[in-house]
Amino acid sequence: TTTVGTTMSDFLDRTLKFGYVLSS
């Protein structure tokens, strides 16, 4: 669960450029 959550967060933030707030 931790790995999936981190991967999803990184994908939203870094790949899709959502930023931390929108990713959260």
mmCIF file of all heavy atoms, coordinates in Angstrom:
data_MODEL
# 
_entry.id   MODEL 
# 
loop_
_atom_site.group_PDB 
_atom_site.id 
_atom_site.type_symbol 
_atom_site.label_atom_id 
_atom_site.label_alt_id 
_atom_site.label_comp_id 
_atom_site.label_asym_id 
_atom_site.label_entity_id 
_atom_site.label_seq_id 
_atom_site.pdbx_PDB_ins_code 
_atom_site.Cartn_x 
_atom_site.Cartn_y 
_atom_site.Cartn_z 
_atom_site.occupancy 
_atom_site.B_iso_or_equiv 
_atom_site.pdbx_formal_charge 
_atom_site.auth_seq_id 
_atom_site.auth_comp_id 
_atom_site.auth_asym_id 
_atom_site.auth_atom_id 
_atom_site.pdbx_PDB_model_num 
ATOM 1   N N   . THR A 1 1  ? 0.831  -1.200 0.000   1.00 0.00 ? 1  THR A N   1 
ATOM 2   C CA  . THR A 1 1  ? 0.000  0.000  0.000   1.00 0.00 ? 1  THR A CA  1 
ATOM 3   C C   . THR A 1 1  ? 0.867  1.250  0.000   1.00 0.00 ? 1  THR A C   1 
ATOM 4   O O   . THR A 1 1  ? 0.596  2.210  -0.714  1.00 0.00 ? 1  THR A O   1 
ATOM 5   C CB  . THR A 1 1  ? -0.919 0.010  1.233   1.00 0.00 ? 1  THR A CB  1 
ATOM 6   O OG1 . THR A 1 1  ? -1.668 -1.193 1.245   1.00 0.00 ? 1  THR A OG1 1 
ATOM 7   C CG2 . THR A 1 1  ? -1.856 1.179  1.207   1.00 0.00 ? 1  THR A CG2 1 
ATOM 8   N N   . THR A 1 2  ? 1.931  1.238  0.777   1.00 0.00 ? 2  THR A N   1 
ATOM 9   C CA  . THR A 1 2  ? 2.850  2.372  0.833   1.00 0.00 ? 2  THR A CA  1 
ATOM 10  C C   . THR A 1 2  ? 3.512  2.596  -0.511  1.00 0.00 ? 2  THR A C   1 
ATOM 11  O O   . THR A 1 2  ? 3.613  3.732  -0.984  1.00 0.00 ? 2  THR A O   1 
ATOM 12  C CB  . THR A 1 2  ? 3.929  2.124  1.907   1.00 0.00 ? 2  THR A CB  1 
ATOM 13  O OG1 . THR A 1 2  ? 3.295  1.808  3.127   1.00 0.00 ? 2  THR A OG1 1 
ATOM 14  C CG2 . THR A 1 2  ? 4.817  3.315  2.086   1.00 0.00 ? 2  THR A CG2 1 
ATOM 15  N N   . THR A 1 3  ? 3.948  1.535  -1.146  1.00 0.00 ? 3  THR A N   1 
ATOM 16  C CA  . THR A 1 3  ? 4.613  1.637  -2.443  1.00 0.00 ? 3  THR A CA  1 
ATOM 17  C C   . THR A 1 3  ? 3.657  2.159  -3.512  1.00 0.00 ? 3  THR A C   1 
ATOM 18  O O   . THR A 1 3  ? 4.020  3.044  -4.292  1.00 0.00 ? 3  THR A O   1 
ATOM 19  C CB  . THR A 1 3  ? 5.172  0.260  -2.866  1.00 0.00 ? 3  THR A CB  1 
ATOM 20  O OG1 . THR A 1 3  ? 6.038  -0.214 -1.835  1.00 0.00 ? 3  THR A OG1 1 
ATOM 21  C CG2 . THR A 1 3  ? 5.928  0.349  -4.170  1.00 0.00 ? 3  THR A CG2 1 
ATOM 22  N N   . VAL A 1 4  ? 2.451  1.642  -3.535  1.00 0.00 ? 4  VAL A N   1 
ATOM 23  C CA  . VAL A 1 4  ? 1.465  2.088  -4.519  1.00 0.00 ? 4  VAL A CA  1 
ATOM 24  C C   . VAL A 1 4  ? 1.115  3.555  -4.289  1.00 0.00 ? 4  VAL A C   1 
ATOM 25  O O   . VAL A 1 4  ? 1.040  4.343  -5.238  1.00 0.00 ? 4  VAL A O   1 
ATOM 26  C CB  . VAL A 1 4  ? 0.197  1.207  -4.468  1.00 0.00 ? 4  VAL A CB  1 
ATOM 27  C CG1 . VAL A 1 4  ? -0.927 1.814  -5.299  1.00 0.00 ? 4  VAL A CG1 1 
ATOM 28  C CG2 . VAL A 1 4  ? 0.506  -0.193 -4.950  1.00 0.00 ? 4  VAL A CG2 1 
ATOM 29  N N   . GLY A 1 5  ? 0.922  3.940  -3.041  1.00 0.00 ? 5  GLY A N   1 
ATOM 30  C CA  . GLY A 1 5  ? 0.594  5.330  -2.728  1.00 0.00 ? 5  GLY A CA  1 
ATOM 31  C C   . GLY A 1 5  ? 1.688  6.285  -3.147  1.00 0.00 ? 5  GLY A C   1 
ATOM 32  O O   . GLY A 1 5  ? 1.423  7.347  -3.731  1.00 0.00 ? 5  GLY A O   1 
ATOM 33  N N   . THR A 1 6  ? 2.935  5.920  -2.879  1.00 0.00 ? 6  THR A N   1 
ATOM 34  C CA  . THR A 1 6  ? 4.066  6.762  -3.266  1.00 0.00 ? 6  THR A CA  1 
ATOM 35  C C   . THR A 1 6  ? 4.180  6.852  -4.782  1.00 0.00 ? 6  THR A C   1 
ATOM 36  O O   . THR A 1 6  ? 4.405  7.937  -5.339  1.00 0.00 ? 6  THR A O   1 
ATOM 37  C CB  . THR A 1 6  ? 5.379  6.202  -2.679  1.00 0.00 ? 6  THR A CB  1 
ATOM 38  O OG1 . THR A 1 6  ? 5.250  6.157  -1.262  1.00 0.00 ? 6  THR A OG1 1 
ATOM 39  C CG2 . THR A 1 6  ? 6.564  7.057  -3.055  1.00 0.00 ? 6  THR A CG2 1 
ATOM 40  N N   . THR A 1 7  ? 4.001  5.728  -5.458  1.00 0.00 ? 7  THR A N   1 
ATOM 41  C CA  . THR A 1 7  ? 4.077  5.717  -6.923  1.00 0.00 ? 7  THR A CA  1 
ATOM 42  C C   . THR A 1 7  ? 2.984  6.582  -7.530  1.00 0.00 ? 7  THR A C   1 
ATOM 43  O O   . THR A 1 7  ? 3.242  7.365  -8.458  1.00 0.00 ? 7  THR A O   1 
ATOM 44  C CB  . THR A 1 7  ? 3.973  4.274  -7.454  1.00 0.00 ? 7  THR A CB  1 
ATOM 45  O OG1 . THR A 1 7  ? 5.015  3.499  -6.865  1.00 0.00 ? 7  THR A OG1 1 
ATOM 46  C CG2 . THR A 1 7  ? 4.087  4.229  -8.959  1.00 0.00 ? 7  THR A CG2 1 
ATOM 47  N N   . MET A 1 8  ? 1.766  6.462  -7.011  1.00 0.00 ? 8  MET A N   1 
ATOM 48  C CA  . MET A 1 8  ? 0.664  7.278  -7.530  1.00 0.00 ? 8  MET A CA  1 
ATOM 49  C C   . MET A 1 8  ? 0.911  8.761  -7.277  1.00 0.00 ? 8  MET A C   1 
ATOM 50  O O   . MET A 1 8  ? 0.675  9.598  -8.153  1.00 0.00 ? 8  MET A O   1 
ATOM 51  C CB  . MET A 1 8  ? -0.660 6.842  -6.893  1.00 0.00 ? 8  MET A CB  1 
ATOM 52  C CG  . MET A 1 8  ? -1.132 5.491  -7.360  1.00 0.00 ? 8  MET A CG  1 
ATOM 53  S SD  . MET A 1 8  ? -2.596 4.903  -6.481  1.00 0.00 ? 8  MET A SD  1 
ATOM 54  C CE  . MET A 1 8  ? -3.773 6.180  -6.842  1.00 0.00 ? 8  MET A CE  1 
ATOM 55  N N   . SER A 1 9  ? 1.389  9.078  -6.089  1.00 0.00 ? 9  SER A N   1 
ATOM 56  C CA  . SER A 1 9  ? 1.672  10.464 -5.742  1.00 0.00 ? 9  SER A CA  1 
ATOM 57  C C   . SER A 1 9  ? 2.748  11.047 -6.652  1.00 0.00 ? 9  SER A C   1 
ATOM 58  O O   . SER A 1 9  ? 2.609  12.170 -7.161  1.00 0.00 ? 9  SER A O   1 
ATOM 59  C CB  . SER A 1 9  ? 2.107  10.545 -4.284  1.00 0.00 ? 9  SER A CB  1 
ATOM 60  O OG  . SER A 1 9  ? 2.465  11.859 -3.947  1.00 0.00 ? 9  SER A OG  1 
ATOM 61  N N   . ASP A 1 10 ? 3.824  10.300 -6.862  1.00 0.00 ? 10 ASP A N   1 
ATOM 62  C CA  . ASP A 1 10 ? 4.897  10.759 -7.750  1.00 0.00 ? 10 ASP A CA  1 
ATOM 63  C C   . ASP A 1 10 ? 4.405  10.926 -9.185  1.00 0.00 ? 10 ASP A C   1 
ATOM 64  O O   . ASP A 1 10 ? 4.767  11.885 -9.868  1.00 0.00 ? 10 ASP A O   1 
ATOM 65  C CB  . ASP A 1 10 ? 6.073  9.787  -7.719  1.00 0.00 ? 10 ASP A CB  1 
ATOM 66  C CG  . ASP A 1 10 ? 6.858  9.848  -6.425  1.00 0.00 ? 10 ASP A CG  1 
ATOM 67  O OD1 . ASP A 1 10 ? 6.644  10.810 -5.645  1.00 0.00 ? 10 ASP A OD1 1 
ATOM 68  O OD2 . ASP A 1 10 ? 7.669  8.935  -6.173  1.00 0.00 ? 10 ASP A OD2 1 
ATOM 69  N N   . PHE A 1 11 ? 3.586  9.997  -9.651  1.00 0.00 ? 11 PHE A N   1 
ATOM 70  C CA  . PHE A 1 11 ? 3.046  10.084 -11.004 1.00 0.00 ? 11 PHE A CA  1 
ATOM 71  C C   . PHE A 1 11 ? 2.193  11.341 -11.172 1.00 0.00 ? 11 PHE A C   1 
ATOM 72  O O   . PHE A 1 11 ? 2.355  12.081 -12.149 1.00 0.00 ? 11 PHE A O   1 
ATOM 73  C CB  . PHE A 1 11 ? 2.217  8.832  -11.327 1.00 0.00 ? 11 PHE A CB  1 
ATOM 74  C CG  . PHE A 1 11 ? 1.544  8.894  -12.672 1.00 0.00 ? 11 PHE A CG  1 
ATOM 75  C CD1 . PHE A 1 11 ? 2.281  8.734  -13.832 1.00 0.00 ? 11 PHE A CD1 1 
ATOM 76  C CD2 . PHE A 1 11 ? 0.182  9.113  -12.766 1.00 0.00 ? 11 PHE A CD2 1 
ATOM 77  C CE1 . PHE A 1 11 ? 1.665  8.800  -15.081 1.00 0.00 ? 11 PHE A CE1 1 
ATOM 78  C CE2 . PHE A 1 11 ? -0.441 9.176  -14.008 1.00 0.00 ? 11 PHE A CE2 1 
ATOM 79  C CZ  . PHE A 1 11 ? 0.299  9.016  -15.161 1.00 0.00 ? 11 PHE A CZ  1 
ATOM 80  N N   . LEU A 1 12 ? 1.295  11.585 -10.216 1.00 0.00 ? 12 LEU A N   1 
ATOM 81  C CA  . LEU A 1 12 ? 0.435  12.764 -10.310 1.00 0.00 ? 12 LEU A CA  1 
ATOM 82  C C   . LEU A 1 12 ? 1.246  14.055 -10.218 1.00 0.00 ? 12 LEU A C   1 
ATOM 83  O O   . LEU A 1 12 ? 0.997  15.014 -10.955 1.00 0.00 ? 12 LEU A O   1 
ATOM 84  C CB  . LEU A 1 12 ? -0.625 12.739 -9.204  1.00 0.00 ? 12 LEU A CB  1 
ATOM 85  C CG  . LEU A 1 12 ? -1.683 11.654 -9.307  1.00 0.00 ? 12 LEU A CG  1 
ATOM 86  C CD1 . LEU A 1 12 ? -2.539 11.627 -8.041  1.00 0.00 ? 12 LEU A CD1 1 
ATOM 87  C CD2 . LEU A 1 12 ? -2.553 11.858 -10.527 1.00 0.00 ? 12 LEU A CD2 1 
ATOM 88  N N   . ASP A 1 13 ? 2.208  14.072 -9.320  1.00 0.00 ? 13 ASP A N   1 
ATOM 89  C CA  . ASP A 1 13 ? 2.982  15.291 -9.090  1.00 0.00 ? 13 ASP A CA  1 
ATOM 90  C C   . ASP A 1 13 ? 4.011  15.548 -10.188 1.00 0.00 ? 13 ASP A C   1 
ATOM 91  O O   . ASP A 1 13 ? 4.059  16.631 -10.759 1.00 0.00 ? 13 ASP A O   1 
ATOM 92  C CB  . ASP A 1 13 ? 3.678  15.213 -7.728  1.00 0.00 ? 13 ASP A CB  1 
ATOM 93  C CG  . ASP A 1 13 ? 4.541  16.423 -7.452  1.00 0.00 ? 13 ASP A CG  1 
ATOM 94  O OD1 . ASP A 1 13 ? 4.072  17.550 -7.684  1.00 0.00 ? 13 ASP A OD1 1 
ATOM 95  O OD2 . ASP A 1 13 ? 5.689  16.239 -7.019  1.00 0.00 ? 13 ASP A OD2 1 
ATOM 96  N N   . ARG A 1 14 ? 4.807  14.546 -10.493 1.00 0.00 ? 14 ARG A N   1 
ATOM 97  C CA  . ARG A 1 14 ? 5.940  14.768 -11.393 1.00 0.00 ? 14 ARG A CA  1 
ATOM 98  C C   . ARG A 1 14 ? 5.616  14.554 -12.869 1.00 0.00 ? 14 ARG A C   1 
ATOM 99  O O   . ARG A 1 14 ? 6.071  15.310 -13.715 1.00 0.00 ? 14 ARG A O   1 
ATOM 100 C CB  . ARG A 1 14 ? 7.092  13.864 -10.984 1.00 0.00 ? 14 ARG A CB  1 
ATOM 101 C CG  . ARG A 1 14 ? 7.592  14.190 -9.598  1.00 0.00 ? 14 ARG A CG  1 
ATOM 102 C CD  . ARG A 1 14 ? 8.671  13.270 -9.154  1.00 0.00 ? 14 ARG A CD  1 
ATOM 103 N NE  . ARG A 1 14 ? 9.051  13.585 -7.773  1.00 0.00 ? 14 ARG A NE  1 
ATOM 104 C CZ  . ARG A 1 14 ? 9.728  12.785 -7.009  1.00 0.00 ? 14 ARG A CZ  1 
ATOM 105 N NH1 . ARG A 1 14 ? 10.104 11.611 -7.460  1.00 0.00 ? 14 ARG A NH1 1 
ATOM 106 N NH2 . ARG A 1 14 ? 10.034 13.140 -5.775  1.00 0.00 ? 14 ARG A NH2 1 
ATOM 107 N N   . THR A 1 15 ? 4.839  13.516 -13.168 1.00 0.00 ? 15 THR A N   1 
ATOM 108 C CA  . THR A 1 15 ? 4.542  13.214 -14.570 1.00 0.00 ? 15 THR A CA  1 
ATOM 109 C C   . THR A 1 15 ? 3.413  14.089 -15.101 1.00 0.00 ? 15 THR A C   1 
ATOM 110 O O   . THR A 1 15 ? 3.528  14.681 -16.175 1.00 0.00 ? 15 THR A O   1 
ATOM 111 C CB  . THR A 1 15 ? 4.190  11.726 -14.743 1.00 0.00 ? 15 THR A CB  1 
ATOM 112 O OG1 . THR A 1 15 ? 5.258  10.938 -14.218 1.00 0.00 ? 15 THR A OG1 1 
ATOM 113 C CG2 . THR A 1 15 ? 3.974  11.380 -16.207 1.00 0.00 ? 15 THR A CG2 1 
ATOM 114 N N   . LEU A 1 16 ? 2.321  14.159 -14.346 1.00 0.00 ? 16 LEU A N   1 
ATOM 115 C CA  . LEU A 1 16 ? 1.172  14.952 -14.798 1.00 0.00 ? 16 LEU A CA  1 
ATOM 116 C C   . LEU A 1 16 ? 1.258  16.416 -14.365 1.00 0.00 ? 16 LEU A C   1 
ATOM 117 O O   . LEU A 1 16 ? 0.405  17.210 -14.738 1.00 0.00 ? 16 LEU A O   1 
ATOM 118 C CB  . LEU A 1 16 ? -0.127 14.331 -14.273 1.00 0.00 ? 16 LEU A CB  1 
ATOM 119 C CG  . LEU A 1 16 ? -0.426 12.908 -14.759 1.00 0.00 ? 16 LEU A CG  1 
ATOM 120 C CD1 . LEU A 1 16 ? -1.744 12.418 -14.181 1.00 0.00 ? 16 LEU A CD1 1 
ATOM 121 C CD2 . LEU A 1 16 ? -0.436 12.830 -16.273 1.00 0.00 ? 16 LEU A CD2 1 
ATOM 122 N N   . LYS A 1 17 ? 2.271  16.746 -13.564 1.00 0.00 ? 17 LYS A N   1 
ATOM 123 C CA  . LYS A 1 17 ? 2.519  18.123 -13.108 1.00 0.00 ? 17 LYS A CA  1 
ATOM 124 C C   . LYS A 1 17 ? 1.347  18.712 -12.334 1.00 0.00 ? 17 LYS A C   1 
ATOM 125 O O   . LYS A 1 17 ? 1.030  19.887 -12.456 1.00 0.00 ? 17 LYS A O   1 
ATOM 126 C CB  . LYS A 1 17 ? 2.863  19.039 -14.294 1.00 0.00 ? 17 LYS A CB  1 
ATOM 127 C CG  . LYS A 1 17 ? 3.963  18.546 -15.188 1.00 0.00 ? 17 LYS A CG  1 
ATOM 128 C CD  . LYS A 1 17 ? 5.300  18.694 -14.532 1.00 0.00 ? 17 LYS A CD  1 
ATOM 129 C CE  . LYS A 1 17 ? 6.379  18.359 -15.551 1.00 0.00 ? 17 LYS A CE  1 
ATOM 130 N NZ  . LYS A 1 17 ? 7.547  17.794 -15.001 1.00 0.00 ? 17 LYS A NZ  1 
ATOM 131 N N   . PHE A 1 18 ? 0.698  17.877 -11.511 1.00 0.00 ? 18 PHE A N   1 
ATOM 132 C CA  . PHE A 1 18 ? -0.435 18.354 -10.710 1.00 0.00 ? 18 PHE A CA  1 
ATOM 133 C C   . PHE A 1 18 ? 0.027  19.191 -9.519  1.00 0.00 ? 18 PHE A C   1 
ATOM 134 O O   . PHE A 1 18 ? -0.740 19.982 -9.004  1.00 0.00 ? 18 PHE A O   1 
ATOM 135 C CB  . PHE A 1 18 ? -1.248 17.170 -10.183 1.00 0.00 ? 18 PHE A CB  1 
ATOM 136 C CG  . PHE A 1 18 ? -2.215 16.580 -11.164 1.00 0.00 ? 18 PHE A CG  1 
ATOM 137 C CD1 . PHE A 1 18 ? -2.157 16.862 -12.514 1.00 0.00 ? 18 PHE A CD1 1 
ATOM 138 C CD2 . PHE A 1 18 ? -3.198 15.719 -10.723 1.00 0.00 ? 18 PHE A CD2 1 
ATOM 139 C CE1 . PHE A 1 18 ? -3.045 16.313 -13.409 1.00 0.00 ? 18 PHE A CE1 1 
ATOM 140 C CE2 . PHE A 1 18 ? -4.099 15.156 -11.607 1.00 0.00 ? 18 PHE A CE2 1 
ATOM 141 C CZ  . PHE A 1 18 ? -4.024 15.449 -12.951 1.00 0.00 ? 18 PHE A CZ  1 
ATOM 142 N N   . GLY A 1 19 ? 1.221  18.984 -9.051  1.00 0.00 ? 19 GLY A N   1 
ATOM 143 C CA  . GLY A 1 19 ? 1.691  19.650 -7.838  1.00 0.00 ? 19 GLY A CA  1 
ATOM 144 C C   . GLY A 1 19 ? 1.190  18.899 -6.609  1.00 0.00 ? 19 GLY A C   1 
ATOM 145 O O   . GLY A 1 19 ? 0.329  18.022 -6.687  1.00 0.00 ? 19 GLY A O   1 
ATOM 146 N N   . TYR A 1 20 ? 1.759  19.257 -5.462  1.00 0.00 ? 20 TYR A N   1 
ATOM 147 C CA  . TYR A 1 20 ? 1.427  18.534 -4.230  1.00 0.00 ? 20 TYR A CA  1 
ATOM 148 C C   . TYR A 1 20 ? -0.025 18.714 -3.799  1.00 0.00 ? 20 TYR A C   1 
ATOM 149 O O   . TYR A 1 20 ? -0.683 17.773 -3.377  1.00 0.00 ? 20 TYR A O   1 
ATOM 150 C CB  . TYR A 1 20 ? 2.349  18.969 -3.087  1.00 0.00 ? 20 TYR A CB  1 
ATOM 151 C CG  . TYR A 1 20 ? 3.759  18.483 -3.234  1.00 0.00 ? 20 TYR A CG  1 
ATOM 152 C CD1 . TYR A 1 20 ? 4.825  19.377 -3.234  1.00 0.00 ? 20 TYR A CD1 1 
ATOM 153 C CD2 . TYR A 1 20 ? 4.045  17.132 -3.380  1.00 0.00 ? 20 TYR A CD2 1 
ATOM 154 C CE1 . TYR A 1 20 ? 6.130  18.932 -3.370  1.00 0.00 ? 20 TYR A CE1 1 
ATOM 155 C CE2 . TYR A 1 20 ? 5.345  16.681 -3.522  1.00 0.00 ? 20 TYR A CE2 1 
ATOM 156 C CZ  . TYR A 1 20 ? 6.382  17.589 -3.515  1.00 0.00 ? 20 TYR A CZ  1 
ATOM 157 O OH  . TYR A 1 20 ? 7.661  17.141 -3.648  1.00 0.00 ? 20 TYR A OH  1 
ATOM 158 N N   . VAL A 1 21 ? -0.534 19.929 -3.899  1.00 0.00 ? 21 VAL A N   1 
ATOM 159 C CA  . VAL A 1 21 ? -1.891 20.188 -3.404  1.00 0.00 ? 21 VAL A CA  1 
ATOM 160 C C   . VAL A 1 21 ? -2.926 19.440 -4.229  1.00 0.00 ? 21 VAL A C   1 
ATOM 161 O O   . VAL A 1 21 ? -3.770 18.716 -3.689  1.00 0.00 ? 21 VAL A O   1 
ATOM 162 C CB  . VAL A 1 21 ? -2.184 21.709 -3.385  1.00 0.00 ? 21 VAL A CB  1 
ATOM 163 C CG1 . VAL A 1 21 ? -3.633 21.961 -3.018  1.00 0.00 ? 21 VAL A CG1 1 
ATOM 164 C CG2 . VAL A 1 21 ? -1.246 22.425 -2.429  1.00 0.00 ? 21 VAL A CG2 1 
ATOM 165 N N   . LEU A 1 22 ? -2.880 19.585 -5.544  1.00 0.00 ? 22 LEU A N   1 
ATOM 166 C CA  . LEU A 1 22 ? -3.857 18.907 -6.394  1.00 0.00 ? 22 LEU A CA  1 
ATOM 167 C C   . LEU A 1 22 ? -3.694 17.388 -6.324  1.00 0.00 ? 22 LEU A C   1 
ATOM 168 O O   . LEU A 1 22 ? -4.689 16.654 -6.288  1.00 0.00 ? 22 LEU A O   1 
ATOM 169 C CB  . LEU A 1 22 ? -3.748 19.394 -7.840  1.00 0.00 ? 22 LEU A CB  1 
ATOM 170 C CG  . LEU A 1 22 ? -4.785 18.828 -8.811  1.00 0.00 ? 22 LEU A CG  1 
ATOM 171 C CD1 . LEU A 1 22 ? -6.211 19.101 -8.315  1.00 0.00 ? 22 LEU A CD1 1 
ATOM 172 C CD2 . LEU A 1 22 ? -4.576 19.407 -10.199 1.00 0.00 ? 22 LEU A CD2 1 
ATOM 173 N N   . SER A 1 23 ? -2.451 16.912 -6.258  1.00 0.00 ? 23 SER A N   1 
ATOM 174 C CA  . SER A 1 23 ? -2.219 15.467 -6.117  1.00 0.00 ? 23 SER A CA  1 
ATOM 175 C C   . SER A 1 23 ? -2.850 14.946 -4.836  1.00 0.00 ? 23 SER A C   1 
ATOM 176 O O   . SER A 1 23 ? -3.478 13.879 -4.825  1.00 0.00 ? 23 SER A O   1 
ATOM 177 C CB  . SER A 1 23 ? -0.719 15.163 -6.104  1.00 0.00 ? 23 SER A CB  1 
ATOM 178 O OG  . SER A 1 23 ? -0.131 15.497 -7.330  1.00 0.00 ? 23 SER A OG  1 
ATOM 179 N N   . SER A 1 24 ? -2.688 15.692 -3.749  1.00 0.00 ? 24 SER A N   1 
ATOM 180 C CA  . SER A 1 24 ? -3.278 15.292 -2.465  1.00 0.00 ? 24 SER A CA  1 
ATOM 181 C C   . SER A 1 24 ? -4.795 15.260 -2.542  1.00 0.00 ? 24 SER A C   1 
ATOM 182 O O   . SER A 1 24 ? -5.433 14.346 -2.012  1.00 0.00 ? 24 SER A O   1 
ATOM 183 C CB  . SER A 1 24 ? -2.840 16.250 -1.357  1.00 0.00 ? 24 SER A CB  1 
ATOM 184 O OG  . SER A 1 24 ? -1.461 16.192 -1.186  1.00 0.00 ? 24 SER A OG  1 
# 
